[in-house]
């Protein structure tokens, strides 16, 4: 094996390779993904509302307050936390969303079986949330932050939400989907903002 081939297998062998540009590239790439998914999340929420009928699409409609175990909207003090703590919260929330998005997709497959694009968007959103969560965890690792384990309660919370919504009827099932899609948009947007503060030349 040539010396050049060895350097490709082990980049650390080349002392001229600085970890800083690699970290900046990882942050920039993850921020670009979050920005793209923020747009997709907005589209998902709009399409979800369009398929639920009245009163969901009416101006001034305020759905019943629905809490989900293990997942809530970003707190008002989120922006004031240290960057690693904010990213930990982002990654954790994003990791908790896929089981809930899967529940919403199953409910919508029963309520709106012909809404193929909505069902596909929900399936894509679950996959994209997993990908963004993993990317944020990779940024945290590159920053040297201590990584936290998976959240096993996410699947249990999703199962409980599904059982409750299914037993309660059509309207609560639609409200659950609205809440989950709204949380997905909020956390993806929050992740974009948090990563944007780490991008060189980004906001302070």
Foldseek 3Di string as FASTA:
>chain_A
DDPVVVCVVPVVVDVVDDLVVVLLVLLVVLLVLLVVVLVLLVVLLVVLLVPLDPPSPPPPDDDDDDDFPPEDFDDPCLVVDPLLVSLLVLLQNLLLQLLQLVLLLVLCCVVPVPPVVSSVSSNVLSVSSNVSSVSSQVSCVSVVHDHDDHDVCSNVRNVVQSVVQVVVDDVSSSVSSSRSSVRSSRSSVSNSVSSQVVNVVGDD
